[in-house]
């Protein structure tokens, strides 16, 4: 069962069996960021926490982030993510967002940052006034999926380099897996680790991930599950 935990007066994290999603409230509306892995009633949970009208933003379209999307008829998402989203039976109209777009909840602007790699249309969301970076699966100290269709380690590395351009604009990172919150230095740590994988300087071990054989490259900052 999902567990809603209040972070501050206008922000909640909802924990759902190893994945989390977020509720952010402004003065005019609220945003659910993702809807979890098993929480088909994600919208109902949010409506119990706020009376504001609720919009939906997806960091990406993997199945453990869209369980409750069916309660919405439209979702803000990168247009580059549509194929992945539809392949996972994602429903509703996609309202496209791209780098530099701002979704204002009312005195709470959310700036979109394109960070492809984990998936083609992964996005980060900079909660500017609260100095928080919402990073989806891209920044975490768990195992980041980089195997199979839609994953691209080279793009992932470029996206981490791009995130470094936002250094100093946030104090914490809200990730959808792993420890909460993450520190800003996690971006550089994961960048250094990913480069070691790309350059063949890291050693992986064969593991089974959801019944699929993959190579796990484990680092102190987190791990990457890559193609054999």
C-alpha atoms as a PDB file:
ATOM      1  CA  UNK A   1       0.000   0.000   0.000  1.00  0.00           C
ATOM      2  CA  UNK A   2       1.300   3.447  -0.908  1.00  0.00           C
ATOM      3  CA  UNK A   3       2.433   5.646   1.958  1.00  0.00           C
ATOM      4  CA  UNK A   4       2.200   9.452   1.713  1.00  0.00           C
ATOM      5  CA  UNK A   5       4.911  11.303   3.647  1.00  0.00           C
ATOM      6  CA  UNK A   6       4.784  15.081   3.995  1.00  0.00           C
ATOM      7  CA  UNK A   7       8.073  16.847   3.204  1.00  0.00           C
ATOM      8  CA  UNK A   8       6.846  20.376   3.920  1.00  0.00           C
ATOM      9  CA  UNK A   9       3.583  22.335   3.820  1.00  0.00           C
ATOM     10  CA  UNK A  10       3.276  22.051   0.030  1.00  0.00           C
ATOM     11  CA  UNK A  11       5.128  18.849  -0.888  1.00  0.00           C
ATOM     12  CA  UNK A  12       4.596  15.130  -0.331  1.00  0.00           C
ATOM     13  CA  UNK A  13       6.385  11.986  -1.433  1.00  0.00           C
ATOM     14  CA  UNK A  14       4.335   8.836  -1.907  1.00  0.00           C
ATOM     15  CA  UNK A  15       6.279   5.602  -1.442  1.00  0.00           C
ATOM     16  CA  UNK A  16       5.145   2.633  -3.521  1.00  0.00           C
ATOM     17  CA  UNK A  17       7.189  -0.585  -3.161  1.00  0.00           C
ATOM     18  CA  UNK A  18      10.622   0.758  -3.992  1.00  0.00           C
ATOM     19  CA  UNK A  19       9.486   3.597  -6.236  1.00  0.00           C
ATOM     20  CA  UNK A  20       8.130   6.984  -5.241  1.00  0.00           C
ATOM     21  CA  UNK A  21       6.143   9.775  -6.796  1.00  0.00           C
ATOM     22  CA  UNK A  22       5.551  13.348  -5.675  1.00  0.00           C
ATOM     23  CA  UNK A  23       2.774  15.833  -5.055  1.00  0.00           C
ATOM     24  CA  UNK A  24       3.728  19.486  -5.443  1.00  0.00           C
ATOM     25  CA  UNK A  25       1.268  22.251  -4.537  1.00  0.00           C
ATOM     26  CA  UNK A  26       1.316  25.857  -5.665  1.00  0.00           C
ATOM     27  CA  UNK A  27      -1.217  28.576  -4.947  1.00  0.00           C
ATOM     28  CA  UNK A  28      -3.408  27.779  -7.976  1.00  0.00           C
ATOM     29  CA  UNK A  29      -2.919  24.087  -8.765  1.00  0.00           C
ATOM     30  CA  UNK A  30      -0.996  20.981  -7.804  1.00  0.00           C
ATOM     31  CA  UNK A  31       1.096  18.540  -9.809  1.00  0.00           C
ATOM     32  CA  UNK A  32       1.529  14.827  -9.400  1.00  0.00           C
ATOM     33  CA  UNK A  33       4.968  13.921 -10.684  1.00  0.00           C
ATOM     34  CA  UNK A  34       4.626  10.279 -11.795  1.00  0.00           C
ATOM     35  CA  UNK A  35       2.014   7.876 -10.399  1.00  0.00           C
ATOM     36  CA  UNK A  36       4.000   4.911  -9.126  1.00  0.00           C
ATOM     37  CA  UNK A  37       4.278   1.212  -9.862  1.00  0.00           C
ATOM     38  CA  UNK A  38       1.094  -0.244  -8.340  1.00  0.00           C
ATOM     39  CA  UNK A  39      -0.857   2.815  -7.202  1.00  0.00           C
ATOM     40  CA  UNK A  40      -3.796   2.996  -9.587  1.00  0.00           C
ATOM     41  CA  UNK A  41      -5.501   5.312  -7.070  1.00  0.00           C
ATOM     42  CA  UNK A  42      -2.649   7.849  -7.138  1.00  0.00           C
ATOM     43  CA  UNK A  43      -5.058  10.634  -8.040  1.00  0.00           C
ATOM     44  CA  UNK A  44      -7.333   9.784  -5.114  1.00  0.00           C
ATOM     45  CA  UNK A  45      -4.357   9.888  -2.753  1.00  0.00           C
ATOM     46  CA  UNK A  46      -3.451  13.328  -4.070  1.00  0.00           C
ATOM     47  CA  UNK A  47      -7.025  14.572  -3.769  1.00  0.00           C
ATOM     48  CA  UNK A  48      -7.008  13.551  -0.103  1.00  0.00           C
ATOM     49  CA  UNK A  49      -3.982  15.778   0.430  1.00  0.00           C
ATOM     50  CA  UNK A  50      -5.056  18.917  -1.452  1.00  0.00           C
ATOM     51  CA  UNK A  51      -8.202  20.618  -2.717  1.00  0.00           C
ATOM     52  CA  UNK A  52      -6.330  22.229  -5.602  1.00  0.00           C
ATOM     53  CA  UNK A  53      -6.923  21.044  -9.178  1.00  0.00           C
ATOM     54  CA  UNK A  54      -4.295  18.429 -10.038  1.00  0.00           C
ATOM     55  CA  UNK A  55      -2.236  18.063 -13.205  1.00  0.00           C
ATOM     56  CA  UNK A  56       0.034  15.138 -14.079  1.00  0.00           C
ATOM     57  CA  UNK A  57       3.682  15.328 -15.138  1.00  0.00           C
ATOM     58  CA  UNK A  58       5.682  12.207 -15.981  1.00  0.00           C
ATOM     59  CA  UNK A  59       9.468  12.175 -15.687  1.00  0.00           C
ATOM     60  CA  UNK A  60       9.388   9.263 -18.145  1.00  0.00           C
ATOM     61  CA  UNK A  61       7.103   6.461 -19.292  1.00  0.00           C
ATOM     62  CA  UNK A  62       8.483   3.294 -17.727  1.00  0.00           C
ATOM     63  CA  UNK A  63       5.770   1.061 -16.220  1.00  0.00           C
ATOM     64  CA  UNK A  64       6.800   1.656 -12.590  1.00  0.00           C
ATOM     65  CA  UNK A  65       6.036   5.364 -12.994  1.00  0.00           C
ATOM     66  CA  UNK A  66       2.628   5.359 -14.693  1.00  0.00           C
ATOM     67  CA  UNK A  67       0.390   2.988 -12.702  1.00  0.00           C
ATOM     68  CA  UNK A  68      -2.129   5.711 -11.844  1.00  0.00           C
ATOM     69  CA  UNK A  69      -2.032   7.594 -15.135  1.00  0.00           C
ATOM     70  CA  UNK A  70      -5.358   6.119 -16.222  1.00  0.00           C
ATOM     71  CA  UNK A  71      -7.191   8.523 -13.917  1.00  0.00           C
ATOM     72  CA  UNK A  72      -5.985  11.459 -16.032  1.00  0.00           C
ATOM     73  CA  UNK A  73      -7.015  12.262 -19.580  1.00  0.00           C
ATOM     74  CA  UNK A  74      -3.811  14.177 -20.309  1.00  0.00           C
ATOM     75  CA  UNK A  75      -0.227  14.195 -19.112  1.00  0.00           C
ATOM     76  CA  UNK A  76       2.714  16.554 -19.451  1.00  0.00           C
ATOM     77  CA  UNK A  77       5.613  14.595 -20.914  1.00  0.00           C
ATOM     78  CA  UNK A  78       8.479  14.921 -23.356  1.00  0.00           C
ATOM     79  CA  UNK A  79       7.284  14.116 -26.889  1.00  0.00           C
ATOM     80  CA  UNK A  80      10.411  11.954 -27.228  1.00  0.00           C
ATOM     81  CA  UNK A  81       8.948   9.628 -24.613  1.00  0.00           C
ATOM     82  CA  UNK A  82       5.712   8.762 -26.412  1.00  0.00           C
ATOM     83  CA  UNK A  83       6.902   5.490 -27.986  1.00  0.00           C
ATOM     84  CA  UNK A  84       8.123   4.162 -24.633  1.00  0.00           C
ATOM     85  CA  UNK A  85       4.975   5.364 -22.872  1.00  0.00           C
ATOM     86  CA  UNK A  86       2.606   3.778 -25.397  1.00  0.00           C
ATOM     87  CA  UNK A  87       4.638   0.550 -25.404  1.00  0.00           C
ATOM     88  CA  UNK A  88       3.882   0.352 -21.680  1.00  0.00           C
ATOM     89  CA  UNK A  89       0.158   0.859 -22.331  1.00  0.00           C
ATOM     90  CA  UNK A  90       0.247   4.524 -21.356  1.00  0.00           C
ATOM     91  CA  UNK A  91      -3.076   6.249 -21.897  1.00  0.00           C
ATOM     92  CA  UNK A  92      -4.281   9.794 -22.411  1.00  0.00           C
ATOM     93  CA  UNK A  93      -3.243  12.789 -24.458  1.00  0.00           C
ATOM     94  CA  UNK A  94       0.382  13.875 -24.192  1.00  0.00           C
ATOM     95  CA  UNK A  95       0.926  17.568 -23.573  1.00  0.00           C
ATOM     96  CA  UNK A  96       4.484  18.026 -24.836  1.00  0.00           C
ATOM     97  CA  UNK A  97       7.095  19.743 -22.690  1.00  0.00           C
ATOM     98  CA  UNK A  98      10.668  20.454 -23.740  1.00  0.00           C
ATOM     99  CA  UNK A  99      13.828  22.007 -22.371  1.00  0.00           C
ATOM    100  CA  UNK A 100      13.175  25.465 -20.924  1.00  0.00           C
ATOM    101  CA  UNK A 101       9.401  25.151 -20.614  1.00  0.00           C
ATOM    102  CA  UNK A 102       7.994  26.329 -17.290  1.00  0.00           C
ATOM    103  CA  UNK A 103       4.863  24.935 -15.669  1.00  0.00           C
ATOM    104  CA  UNK A 104       3.732  27.393 -13.008  1.00  0.00           C
ATOM    105  CA  UNK A 105       1.554  25.952 -10.246  1.00  0.00           C
ATOM    106  CA  UNK A 106       1.000  29.448  -8.863  1.00  0.00           C
ATOM    107  CA  UNK A 107       4.057  31.004  -7.226  1.00  0.00           C
ATOM    108  CA  UNK A 108       5.833  27.681  -7.851  1.00  0.00           C
ATOM    109  CA  UNK A 109       7.503  27.553 -11.278  1.00  0.00           C
ATOM    110  CA  UNK A 110       8.685  24.153 -12.467  1.00  0.00           C
ATOM    111  CA  UNK A 111      11.379  24.331 -15.155  1.00  0.00           C
ATOM    112  CA  UNK A 112      11.745  21.396 -17.551  1.00  0.00           C
ATOM    113  CA  UNK A 113      15.218  20.026 -18.328  1.00  0.00           C
ATOM    114  CA  UNK A 114      15.724  17.393 -21.032  1.00  0.00           C
ATOM    115  CA  UNK A 115      17.868  14.497 -19.770  1.00  0.00           C
ATOM    116  CA  UNK A 116      17.587  11.616 -22.293  1.00  0.00           C
ATOM    117  CA  UNK A 117      19.545   8.414 -21.798  1.00  0.00           C
ATOM    118  CA  UNK A 118      17.716   6.313 -19.242  1.00  0.00           C
ATOM    119  CA  UNK A 119      14.826   6.715 -21.682  1.00  0.00           C
ATOM    120  CA  UNK A 120      14.599   8.863 -24.846  1.00  0.00           C
ATOM    121  CA  UNK A 121      12.361  11.461 -23.220  1.00  0.00           C
ATOM    122  CA  UNK A 122      13.446  11.479 -19.595  1.00  0.00           C
ATOM    123  CA  UNK A 123      13.094  14.918 -18.040  1.00  0.00           C
ATOM    124  CA  UNK A 124      14.200  16.581 -14.848  1.00  0.00           C
ATOM    125  CA  UNK A 125      12.097  19.237 -13.150  1.00  0.00           C
ATOM    126  CA  UNK A 126      13.726  22.161 -11.388  1.00  0.00           C
ATOM    127  CA  UNK A 127      11.471  23.382  -8.584  1.00  0.00           C
ATOM    128  CA  UNK A 128      13.065  26.802  -8.689  1.00  0.00           C
ATOM    129  CA  UNK A 129      11.735  28.508  -5.576  1.00  0.00           C
ATOM    130  CA  UNK A 130      12.241  25.441  -3.399  1.00  0.00           C
ATOM    131  CA  UNK A 131      15.711  24.795  -4.883  1.00  0.00           C
ATOM    132  CA  UNK A 132      14.961  21.140  -5.562  1.00  0.00           C
ATOM    133  CA  UNK A 133      15.843  19.084  -8.641  1.00  0.00           C
ATOM    134  CA  UNK A 134      13.395  16.266  -9.402  1.00  0.00           C
ATOM    135  CA  UNK A 135      15.438  13.796 -11.404  1.00  0.00           C
ATOM    136  CA  UNK A 136      13.234  10.772 -12.075  1.00  0.00           C
ATOM    137  CA  UNK A 137      15.436   7.671 -12.386  1.00  0.00           C
ATOM    138  CA  UNK A 138      18.468   9.469 -13.799  1.00  0.00           C
ATOM    139  CA  UNK A 139      19.963  10.413 -10.420  1.00  0.00           C
ATOM    140  CA  UNK A 140      19.697   7.785  -7.690  1.00  0.00           C
ATOM    141  CA  UNK A 141      21.892   5.469  -5.647  1.00  0.00           C
ATOM    142  CA  UNK A 142      19.981   2.352  -6.677  1.00  0.00           C
ATOM    143  CA  UNK A 143      20.390   0.396  -9.925  1.00  0.00           C
ATOM    144  CA  UNK A 144      19.767   2.536 -12.992  1.00  0.00           C
ATOM    145  CA  UNK A 145      18.372   0.555 -15.930  1.00  0.00           C
ATOM    146  CA  UNK A 146      20.565   1.034 -18.985  1.00  0.00           C
ATOM    147  CA  UNK A 147      19.818  -2.230 -20.796  1.00  0.00           C
ATOM    148  CA  UNK A 148      17.317  -3.069 -23.492  1.00  0.00           C
ATOM    149  CA  UNK A 149      15.337  -0.919 -25.867  1.00  0.00           C
ATOM    150  CA  UNK A 150      15.255   2.856 -25.386  1.00  0.00           C
ATOM    151  CA  UNK A 151      18.411   3.043 -23.186  1.00  0.00           C
ATOM    152  CA  UNK A 152      21.490   4.950 -24.300  1.00  0.00           C
ATOM    153  CA  UNK A 153      24.543   5.316 -22.064  1.00  0.00           C
ATOM    154  CA  UNK A 154      26.160   7.945 -24.275  1.00  0.00           C
ATOM    155  CA  UNK A 155      23.089  10.177 -24.088  1.00  0.00           C
ATOM    156  CA  UNK A 156      22.878   9.548 -20.351  1.00  0.00           C
ATOM    157  CA  UNK A 157      26.437  10.835 -19.907  1.00  0.00           C
ATOM    158  CA  UNK A 158      25.676  13.910 -22.000  1.00  0.00           C
ATOM    159  CA  UNK A 159      22.576  14.553 -19.888  1.00  0.00           C
ATOM    160  CA  UNK A 160      24.582  14.405 -16.666  1.00  0.00           C
ATOM    161  CA  UNK A 161      27.012  16.903 -18.166  1.00  0.00           C
ATOM    162  CA  UNK A 162      24.037  19.097 -19.026  1.00  0.00           C
ATOM    163  CA  UNK A 163      22.734  18.876 -15.450  1.00  0.00           C
ATOM    164  CA  UNK A 164      26.080  20.188 -14.236  1.00  0.00           C
ATOM    165  CA  UNK A 165      25.143  23.456 -15.945  1.00  0.00           C
ATOM    166  CA  UNK A 166      22.470  23.855 -13.256  1.00  0.00           C
ATOM    167  CA  UNK A 167      24.939  23.569 -10.370  1.00  0.00           C
ATOM    168  CA  UNK A 168      24.095  26.077  -7.660  1.00  0.00           C
ATOM    169  CA  UNK A 169      20.398  26.290  -8.534  1.00  0.00           C
ATOM    170  CA  UNK A 170      19.279  23.486  -6.213  1.00  0.00           C
ATOM    171  CA  UNK A 171      20.189  22.131  -2.787  1.00  0.00           C
ATOM    172  CA  UNK A 172      18.605  18.672  -2.933  1.00  0.00           C
ATOM    173  CA  UNK A 173      17.684  16.051  -5.510  1.00  0.00           C
ATOM    174  CA  UNK A 174      14.398  14.161  -5.300  1.00  0.00           C
ATOM    175  CA  UNK A 175      14.827  10.790  -7.013  1.00  0.00           C
ATOM    176  CA  UNK A 176      12.135   8.202  -7.681  1.00  0.00           C
ATOM    177  CA  UNK A 177      14.250   5.306  -6.332  1.00  0.00           C
ATOM    178  CA  UNK A 178      16.906   4.907  -3.683  1.00  0.00           C
ATOM    179  CA  UNK A 179      17.694   7.147  -0.736  1.00  0.00           C
ATOM    180  CA  UNK A 180      15.748  10.360  -0.291  1.00  0.00           C
ATOM    181  CA  UNK A 181      16.869  13.026  -0.819  1.00  0.00           C
ATOM    182  CA  UNK A 182      20.087  12.866  -2.805  1.00  0.00           C
ATOM    183  CA  UNK A 183      22.836  15.485  -2.598  1.00  0.00           C
ATOM    184  CA  UNK A 184      23.853  17.654  -5.586  1.00  0.00           C
ATOM    185  CA  UNK A 185      27.270  15.983  -5.795  1.00  0.00           C
ATOM    186  CA  UNK A 186      25.512  12.769  -6.880  1.00  0.00           C
ATOM    187  CA  UNK A 187      25.396  14.160 -10.426  1.00  0.00           C
ATOM    188  CA  UNK A 188      29.179  14.311 -10.768  1.00  0.00           C
ATOM    189  CA  UNK A 189      29.648  10.998  -8.972  1.00  0.00           C
ATOM    190  CA  UNK A 190      27.316   9.206 -11.385  1.00  0.00           C
ATOM    191  CA  UNK A 191      28.912  11.006 -14.330  1.00  0.00           C
ATOM    192  CA  UNK A 192      32.363   9.775 -13.319  1.00  0.00           C
ATOM    193  CA  UNK A 193      31.033   6.240 -12.839  1.00  0.00           C
ATOM    194  CA  UNK A 194      29.176   6.163 -16.152  1.00  0.00           C
ATOM    195  CA  UNK A 195      32.285   7.309 -17.985  1.00  0.00           C
ATOM    196  CA  UNK A 196      34.195   4.383 -16.476  1.00  0.00           C
ATOM    197  CA  UNK A 197      31.578   2.014 -17.871  1.00  0.00           C
ATOM    198  CA  UNK A 198      31.658   3.692 -21.272  1.00  0.00           C
ATOM    199  CA  UNK A 199      35.466   3.602 -21.418  1.00  0.00           C
ATOM    200  CA  UNK A 200      35.682  -0.050 -20.403  1.00  0.00           C
ATOM    201  CA  UNK A 201      37.438   0.769 -17.141  1.00  0.00           C
ATOM    202  CA  UNK A 202      34.775  -0.798 -14.906  1.00  0.00           C
ATOM    203  CA  UNK A 203      34.075  -4.475 -14.387  1.00  0.00           C
ATOM    204  CA  UNK A 204      30.502  -5.713 -14.432  1.00  0.00           C
ATOM    205  CA  UNK A 205      29.002  -8.928 -13.143  1.00  0.00           C
ATOM    206  CA  UNK A 206      26.217 -10.904 -14.743  1.00  0.00           C
ATOM    207  CA  UNK A 207      22.884 -10.663 -12.930  1.00  0.00           C
ATOM    208  CA  UNK A 208      19.225 -11.347 -13.668  1.00  0.00           C
ATOM    209  CA  UNK A 209      17.033  -8.242 -13.742  1.00  0.00           C
ATOM    210  CA  UNK A 210      13.339  -9.103 -13.952  1.00  0.00           C
ATOM    211  CA  UNK A 211      14.245 -12.327 -15.747  1.00  0.00           C
ATOM    212  CA  UNK A 212      16.623 -10.641 -18.199  1.00  0.00           C
ATOM    213  CA  UNK A 213      20.375 -11.184 -18.096  1.00  0.00           C
ATOM    214  CA  UNK A 214      22.320  -7.946 -17.686  1.00  0.00           C
ATOM    215  CA  UNK A 215      25.671  -6.663 -16.492  1.00  0.00           C
ATOM    216  CA  UNK A 216      25.673  -4.802 -13.189  1.00  0.00           C
ATOM    217  CA  UNK A 217      28.367  -2.186 -12.738  1.00  0.00           C
ATOM    218  CA  UNK A 218      28.309  -1.285  -9.055  1.00  0.00           C
ATOM    219  CA  UNK A 219      29.832   1.902  -7.626  1.00  0.00           C
ATOM    220  CA  UNK A 220      29.577   3.558  -4.192  1.00  0.00           C
ATOM    221  CA  UNK A 221      27.225   6.166  -5.690  1.00  0.00           C
ATOM    222  CA  UNK A 222      24.915   3.632  -7.373  1.00  0.00           C
ATOM    223  CA  UNK A 223      24.872   1.026 -10.101  1.00  0.00           C
ATOM    224  CA  UNK A 224      24.149   0.619 -13.809  1.00  0.00           C
ATOM    225  CA  UNK A 225      22.387  -2.384 -15.316  1.00  0.00           C
ATOM    226  CA  UNK A 226      23.674  -2.646 -18.858  1.00  0.00           C
ATOM    227  CA  UNK A 227      23.374  -4.972 -21.846  1.00  0.00           C
ATOM    228  CA  UNK A 228      25.609  -8.031 -21.863  1.00  0.00           C
END
